[in-house]
């Protein structure tokens, strides 16, 4: 589960989406919502990206950057 304060990268195998996030990564989670039990609900998070953009992303597309 991604939580507030985590540093994340957007990750997908779809190249068309991947290129849209290349200049945004990494980002910091400013808020997150766990799944509420619906079949399609995977949870989401609001991310403040390195380039200053803020977006709402499905949890399935976020990978936490490991601590160094």
PDB file of N, CA and C in Angstrom:
ATOM      1  N   UNK A   1       0.837  -1.192   0.000  1.00  0.00           N
ATOM      2  CA  UNK A   1       0.000   0.000   0.000  1.00  0.00           C
ATOM      3  C   UNK A   1       0.882   1.255   0.000  1.00  0.00           C
ATOM      4  N   UNK A   2       0.606   2.130  -0.910  1.00  0.00           N
ATOM      5  CA  UNK A   2       1.295   3.417  -0.982  1.00  0.00           C
ATOM      6  C   UNK A   2       0.681   4.337   0.070  1.00  0.00           C
ATOM      7  N   UNK A   3       1.524   5.060   0.799  1.00  0.00           N
ATOM      8  CA  UNK A   3       0.995   5.942   1.844  1.00  0.00           C
ATOM      9  C   UNK A   3       1.576   7.348   1.727  1.00  0.00           C
ATOM     10  N   UNK A   4       0.938   8.273   2.401  1.00  0.00           N
ATOM     11  CA  UNK A   4       1.360   9.670   2.389  1.00  0.00           C
ATOM     12  C   UNK A   4       2.837   9.776   2.761  1.00  0.00           C
ATOM     13  N   UNK A   5       3.582  10.547   1.947  1.00  0.00           N
ATOM     14  CA  UNK A   5       4.999  10.753   2.188  1.00  0.00           C
ATOM     15  C   UNK A   5       5.909   9.827   1.402  1.00  0.00           C
ATOM     16  N   UNK A   6       5.353   8.762   0.823  1.00  0.00           N
ATOM     17  CA  UNK A   6       6.169   7.849   0.015  1.00  0.00           C
ATOM     18  C   UNK A   6       6.639   8.534  -1.260  1.00  0.00           C
ATOM     19  N   UNK A   7       7.837   8.188  -1.696  1.00  0.00           N
ATOM     20  CA  UNK A   7       8.358   8.621  -2.990  1.00  0.00           C
ATOM     21  C   UNK A   7       8.045   7.494  -3.973  1.00  0.00           C
ATOM     22  N   UNK A   8       7.418   7.844  -5.091  1.00  0.00           N
ATOM     23  CA  UNK A   8       6.971   6.834  -6.046  1.00  0.00           C
ATOM     24  C   UNK A   8       7.374   7.198  -7.468  1.00  0.00           C
ATOM     25  N   UNK A   9       7.393   6.183  -8.306  1.00  0.00           N
ATOM     26  CA  UNK A   9       7.523   6.347  -9.746  1.00  0.00           C
ATOM     27  C   UNK A   9       6.276   5.780 -10.398  1.00  0.00           C
ATOM     28  N   UNK A  10       5.853   6.387 -11.495  1.00  0.00           N
ATOM     29  CA  UNK A  10       4.772   5.841 -12.300  1.00  0.00           C
ATOM     30  C   UNK A  10       5.351   4.706 -13.124  1.00  0.00           C
ATOM     31  N   UNK A  11       4.655   3.567 -13.157  1.00  0.00           N
ATOM     32  CA  UNK A  11       5.145   2.415 -13.896  1.00  0.00           C
ATOM     33  C   UNK A  11       4.007   1.771 -14.683  1.00  0.00           C
ATOM     34  N   UNK A  12       4.264   1.509 -15.948  1.00  0.00           N
ATOM     35  CA  UNK A  12       3.337   0.766 -16.792  1.00  0.00           C
ATOM     36  C   UNK A  12       4.119   0.126 -17.925  1.00  0.00           C
ATOM     37  N   UNK A  13       3.557  -0.920 -18.507  1.00  0.00           N
ATOM     38  CA  UNK A  13       4.197  -1.532 -19.674  1.00  0.00           C
ATOM     39  C   UNK A  13       3.714  -0.883 -20.966  1.00  0.00           C
ATOM     40  N   UNK A  14       2.742   0.023 -20.869  1.00  0.00           N
ATOM     41  CA  UNK A  14       2.228   0.718 -22.053  1.00  0.00           C
ATOM     42  C   UNK A  14       3.143   1.899 -22.380  1.00  0.00           C
ATOM     43  N   UNK A  15       3.866   1.792 -23.467  1.00  0.00           N
ATOM     44  CA  UNK A  15       4.852   2.822 -23.828  1.00  0.00           C
ATOM     45  C   UNK A  15       4.233   4.203 -24.015  1.00  0.00           C
ATOM     46  N   UNK A  16       3.017   4.270 -24.543  1.00  0.00           N
ATOM     47  CA  UNK A  16       2.395   5.579 -24.767  1.00  0.00           C
ATOM     48  C   UNK A  16       2.151   6.304 -23.453  1.00  0.00           C
ATOM     49  N   UNK A  17       1.821   5.584 -22.401  1.00  0.00           N
ATOM     50  CA  UNK A  17       1.629   6.206 -21.093  1.00  0.00           C
ATOM     51  C   UNK A  17       2.970   6.470 -20.421  1.00  0.00           C
ATOM     52  N   UNK A  18       3.900   5.528 -20.570  1.00  0.00           N
ATOM     53  CA  UNK A  18       5.213   5.655 -19.934  1.00  0.00           C
ATOM     54  C   UNK A  18       5.906   6.952 -20.344  1.00  0.00           C
ATOM     55  N   UNK A  19       5.844   7.301 -21.631  1.00  0.00           N
ATOM     56  CA  UNK A  19       6.530   8.507 -22.098  1.00  0.00           C
ATOM     57  C   UNK A  19       5.929   9.774 -21.500  1.00  0.00           C
ATOM     58  N   UNK A  20       4.629   9.756 -21.178  1.00  0.00           N
ATOM     59  CA  UNK A  20       3.984  10.917 -20.573  1.00  0.00           C
ATOM     60  C   UNK A  20       4.496  11.193 -19.161  1.00  0.00           C
ATOM     61  N   UNK A  21       5.043  10.177 -18.504  1.00  0.00           N
ATOM     62  CA  UNK A  21       5.494  10.317 -17.120  1.00  0.00           C
ATOM     63  C   UNK A  21       7.007  10.380 -16.983  1.00  0.00           C
ATOM     64  N   UNK A  22       7.726  10.204 -18.070  1.00  0.00           N
ATOM     65  CA  UNK A  22       9.193  10.170 -18.020  1.00  0.00           C
ATOM     66  C   UNK A  22       9.755  11.420 -17.331  1.00  0.00           C
ATOM     67  N   UNK A  23       9.212  12.590 -17.661  1.00  0.00           N
ATOM     68  CA  UNK A  23       9.709  13.844 -17.084  1.00  0.00           C
ATOM     69  C   UNK A  23       9.072  14.177 -15.742  1.00  0.00           C
ATOM     70  N   UNK A  24       8.092  13.404 -15.317  1.00  0.00           N
ATOM     71  CA  UNK A  24       7.426  13.658 -14.037  1.00  0.00           C
ATOM     72  C   UNK A  24       8.086  12.926 -12.879  1.00  0.00           C
ATOM     73  N   UNK A  25       8.543  11.701 -13.102  1.00  0.00           N
ATOM     74  CA  UNK A  25       9.103  10.863 -12.037  1.00  0.00           C
ATOM     75  C   UNK A  25      10.322  11.504 -11.400  1.00  0.00           C
ATOM     76  N   UNK A  26      10.547  11.321 -10.099  1.00  0.00           N
ATOM     77  CA  UNK A  26       9.661  10.688  -9.142  1.00  0.00           C
ATOM     78  C   UNK A  26       8.635  11.685  -8.610  1.00  0.00           C
ATOM     79  N   UNK A  27       7.750  11.176  -7.768  1.00  0.00           N
ATOM     80  CA  UNK A  27       6.748  12.031  -7.144  1.00  0.00           C
ATOM     81  C   UNK A  27       6.584  11.662  -5.682  1.00  0.00           C
ATOM     82  N   UNK A  28       5.908  12.536  -4.944  1.00  0.00           N
ATOM     83  CA  UNK A  28       5.636  12.276  -3.527  1.00  0.00           C
ATOM     84  C   UNK A  28       4.129  12.151  -3.337  1.00  0.00           C
ATOM     85  N   UNK A  29       3.733  11.161  -2.556  1.00  0.00           N
ATOM     86  CA  UNK A  29       2.316  10.925  -2.279  1.00  0.00           C
ATOM     87  C   UNK A  29       1.850  11.967  -1.264  1.00  0.00           C
ATOM     88  N   UNK A  30       0.831  12.748  -1.636  1.00  0.00           N
ATOM     89  CA  UNK A  30       0.294  13.748  -0.712  1.00  0.00           C
ATOM     90  C   UNK A  30      -0.985  13.265  -0.040  1.00  0.00           C
ATOM     91  N   UNK A  31      -1.647  12.262  -0.625  1.00  0.00           N
ATOM     92  CA  UNK A  31      -2.840  11.649  -0.036  1.00  0.00           C
ATOM     93  C   UNK A  31      -3.094  10.335  -0.753  1.00  0.00           C
ATOM     94  N   UNK A  32      -3.698   9.373  -0.036  1.00  0.00           N
ATOM     95  CA  UNK A  32      -4.027   8.104  -0.680  1.00  0.00           C
ATOM     96  C   UNK A  32      -5.326   7.551  -0.115  1.00  0.00           C
ATOM     97  N   UNK A  33      -5.974   6.713  -0.909  1.00  0.00           N
ATOM     98  CA  UNK A  33      -7.234   6.072  -0.528  1.00  0.00           C
ATOM     99  C   UNK A  33      -7.116   4.583  -0.819  1.00  0.00           C
ATOM    100  N   UNK A  34      -7.285   3.756   0.196  1.00  0.00           N
ATOM    101  CA  UNK A  34      -7.255   2.310   0.004  1.00  0.00           C
ATOM    102  C   UNK A  34      -8.474   1.881  -0.801  1.00  0.00           C
ATOM    103  N   UNK A  35      -8.403   0.718  -1.437  1.00  0.00           N
ATOM    104  CA  UNK A  35      -9.578   0.205  -2.151  1.00  0.00           C
ATOM    105  C   UNK A  35     -10.754   0.052  -1.197  1.00  0.00           C
ATOM    106  N   UNK A  36     -11.953   0.290  -1.702  1.00  0.00           N
ATOM    107  CA  UNK A  36     -13.152   0.209  -0.865  1.00  0.00           C
ATOM    108  C   UNK A  36     -13.952  -1.066  -1.100  1.00  0.00           C
ATOM    109  N   UNK A  37     -13.355  -2.021  -1.816  1.00  0.00           N
ATOM    110  CA  UNK A  37     -14.019  -3.307  -1.973  1.00  0.00           C
ATOM    111  C   UNK A  37     -14.721  -3.519  -3.297  1.00  0.00           C
ATOM    112  N   UNK A  38     -14.865  -2.483  -4.109  1.00  0.00           N
ATOM    113  CA  UNK A  38     -15.475  -2.653  -5.420  1.00  0.00           C
ATOM    114  C   UNK A  38     -14.555  -3.428  -6.340  1.00  0.00           C
ATOM    115  N   UNK A  39     -15.136  -4.154  -7.286  1.00  0.00           N
ATOM    116  CA  UNK A  39     -14.353  -5.012  -8.175  1.00  0.00           C
ATOM    117  C   UNK A  39     -13.259  -4.244  -8.901  1.00  0.00           C
ATOM    118  N   UNK A  40     -13.577  -3.068  -9.404  1.00  0.00           N
ATOM    119  CA  UNK A  40     -12.607  -2.287 -10.169  1.00  0.00           C
ATOM    120  C   UNK A  40     -11.830  -1.292  -9.318  1.00  0.00           C
ATOM    121  N   UNK A  41     -12.152  -1.184  -8.048  1.00  0.00           N
ATOM    122  CA  UNK A  41     -11.502  -0.206  -7.172  1.00  0.00           C
ATOM    123  C   UNK A  41     -10.173  -0.750  -6.663  1.00  0.00           C
ATOM    124  N   UNK A  42      -9.087  -0.206  -7.150  1.00  0.00           N
ATOM    125  CA  UNK A  42      -7.745  -0.627  -6.734  1.00  0.00           C
ATOM    126  C   UNK A  42      -7.094   0.395  -5.805  1.00  0.00           C
ATOM    127  N   UNK A  43      -7.841   1.411  -5.414  1.00  0.00           N
ATOM    128  CA  UNK A  43      -7.283   2.480  -4.602  1.00  0.00           C
ATOM    129  C   UNK A  43      -6.614   3.520  -5.493  1.00  0.00           C
ATOM    130  N   UNK A  44      -6.355   4.687  -4.921  1.00  0.00           N
ATOM    131  CA  UNK A  44      -5.720   5.754  -5.695  1.00  0.00           C
ATOM    132  C   UNK A  44      -4.898   6.638  -4.762  1.00  0.00           C
ATOM    133  N   UNK A  45      -4.078   7.461  -5.380  1.00  0.00           N
ATOM    134  CA  UNK A  45      -3.251   8.396  -4.620  1.00  0.00           C
ATOM    135  C   UNK A  45      -3.099   9.684  -5.407  1.00  0.00           C
ATOM    136  N   UNK A  46      -2.945  10.775  -4.681  1.00  0.00           N
ATOM    137  CA  UNK A  46      -2.637  12.066  -5.292  1.00  0.00           C
ATOM    138  C   UNK A  46      -1.131  12.258  -5.192  1.00  0.00           C
ATOM    139  N   UNK A  47      -0.511  12.528  -6.339  1.00  0.00           N
ATOM    140  CA  UNK A  47       0.937  12.605  -6.425  1.00  0.00           C
ATOM    141  C   UNK A  47       1.365  13.998  -6.866  1.00  0.00           C
ATOM    142  N   UNK A  48       2.322  14.576  -6.144  1.00  0.00           N
ATOM    143  CA  UNK A  48       2.989  15.808  -6.567  1.00  0.00           C
ATOM    144  C   UNK A  48       4.281  15.368  -7.238  1.00  0.00           C
ATOM    145  N   UNK A  49       4.353  15.560  -8.560  1.00  0.00           N
ATOM    146  CA  UNK A  49       5.478  15.081  -9.353  1.00  0.00           C
ATOM    147  C   UNK A  49       6.642  16.060  -9.327  1.00  0.00           C
ATOM    148  N   UNK A  50       7.820  15.567  -9.678  1.00  0.00           N
ATOM    149  CA  UNK A  50       9.051  16.362  -9.668  1.00  0.00           C
ATOM    150  C   UNK A  50       8.961  17.591 -10.565  1.00  0.00           C
ATOM    151  N   UNK A  51       8.135  17.528 -11.616  1.00  0.00           N
ATOM    152  CA  UNK A  51       8.012  18.676 -12.522  1.00  0.00           C
ATOM    153  C   UNK A  51       6.949  19.674 -12.060  1.00  0.00           C
ATOM    154  N   UNK A  52       6.320  19.441 -10.893  1.00  0.00           N
ATOM    155  CA  UNK A  52       5.330  20.358 -10.346  1.00  0.00           C
ATOM    156  C   UNK A  52       3.889  19.986 -10.633  1.00  0.00           C
ATOM    157  N   UNK A  53       3.649  19.009 -11.511  1.00  0.00           N
ATOM    158  CA  UNK A  53       2.287  18.547 -11.794  1.00  0.00           C
ATOM    159  C   UNK A  53       1.743  17.781 -10.599  1.00  0.00           C
ATOM    160  N   UNK A  54       0.406  17.804 -10.438  1.00  0.00           N
ATOM    161  CA  UNK A  54      -0.248  16.970  -9.444  1.00  0.00           C
ATOM    162  C   UNK A  54      -1.327  16.169 -10.161  1.00  0.00           C
ATOM    163  N   UNK A  55      -1.336  14.858  -9.920  1.00  0.00           N
ATOM    164  CA  UNK A  55      -2.318  13.991 -10.561  1.00  0.00           C
ATOM    165  C   UNK A  55      -2.860  12.983  -9.562  1.00  0.00           C
ATOM    166  N   UNK A  56      -4.012  12.397  -9.930  1.00  0.00           N
ATOM    167  CA  UNK A  56      -4.606  11.289  -9.170  1.00  0.00           C
ATOM    168  C   UNK A  56      -4.327  10.025  -9.966  1.00  0.00           C
ATOM    169  N   UNK A  57      -3.691   9.046  -9.333  1.00  0.00           N
ATOM    170  CA  UNK A  57      -3.270   7.831 -10.025  1.00  0.00           C
ATOM    171  C   UNK A  57      -3.810   6.591  -9.326  1.00  0.00           C
ATOM    172  N   UNK A  58      -4.137   5.576 -10.117  1.00  0.00           N
ATOM    173  CA  UNK A  58      -4.503   4.278  -9.563  1.00  0.00           C
ATOM    174  C   UNK A  58      -3.268   3.654  -8.922  1.00  0.00           C
ATOM    175  N   UNK A  59      -3.451   2.989  -7.792  1.00  0.00           N
ATOM    176  CA  UNK A  59      -2.333   2.378  -7.066  1.00  0.00           C
ATOM    177  C   UNK A  59      -1.551   1.385  -7.924  1.00  0.00           C
ATOM    178  N   UNK A  60      -2.219   0.737  -8.856  1.00  0.00           N
ATOM    179  CA  UNK A  60      -1.550  -0.288  -9.662  1.00  0.00           C
ATOM    180  C   UNK A  60      -0.442   0.281 -10.535  1.00  0.00           C
ATOM    181  N   UNK A  61      -0.424   1.594 -10.754  1.00  0.00           N
ATOM    182  CA  UNK A  61       0.598   2.218 -11.597  1.00  0.00           C
ATOM    183  C   UNK A  61       1.718   2.871 -10.798  1.00  0.00           C
ATOM    184  N   UNK A  62       1.712   2.700  -9.491  1.00  0.00           N
ATOM    185  CA  UNK A  62       2.709   3.357  -8.645  1.00  0.00           C
ATOM    186  C   UNK A  62       3.651   2.346  -8.014  1.00  0.00           C
ATOM    187  N   UNK A  63       4.936   2.629  -8.103  1.00  0.00           N
ATOM    188  CA  UNK A  63       5.964   1.793  -7.476  1.00  0.00           C
ATOM    189  C   UNK A  63       6.730   2.660  -6.484  1.00  0.00           C
ATOM    190  N   UNK A  64       6.797   2.218  -5.236  1.00  0.00           N
ATOM    191  CA  UNK A  64       7.529   2.951  -4.207  1.00  0.00           C
ATOM    192  C   UNK A  64       9.024   2.856  -4.503  1.00  0.00           C
ATOM    193  N   UNK A  65       9.703   3.999  -4.429  1.00  0.00           N
ATOM    194  CA  UNK A  65      11.155   4.043  -4.615  1.00  0.00           C
ATOM    195  C   UNK A  65      11.790   3.538  -3.324  1.00  0.00           C
ATOM    196  N   UNK A  66      12.623   2.502  -3.407  1.00  0.00           N
ATOM    197  CA  UNK A  66      13.232   1.960  -2.179  1.00  0.00           C
ATOM    198  C   UNK A  66      14.197   2.948  -1.533  1.00  0.00           C
ATOM    199  N   UNK A  67      14.277   2.885  -0.197  1.00  0.00           N
ATOM    200  CA  UNK A  67      15.241   3.714   0.544  1.00  0.00           C
ATOM    201  C   UNK A  67      16.646   3.312   0.158  1.00  0.00           C
ATOM    202  N   UNK A  68      17.505   4.303   0.084  1.00  0.00           N
ATOM    203  CA  UNK A  68      18.911   4.008  -0.261  1.00  0.00           C
ATOM    204  C   UNK A  68      19.733   3.751   0.960  1.00  0.00           C
TER     205      UNK A  68
END
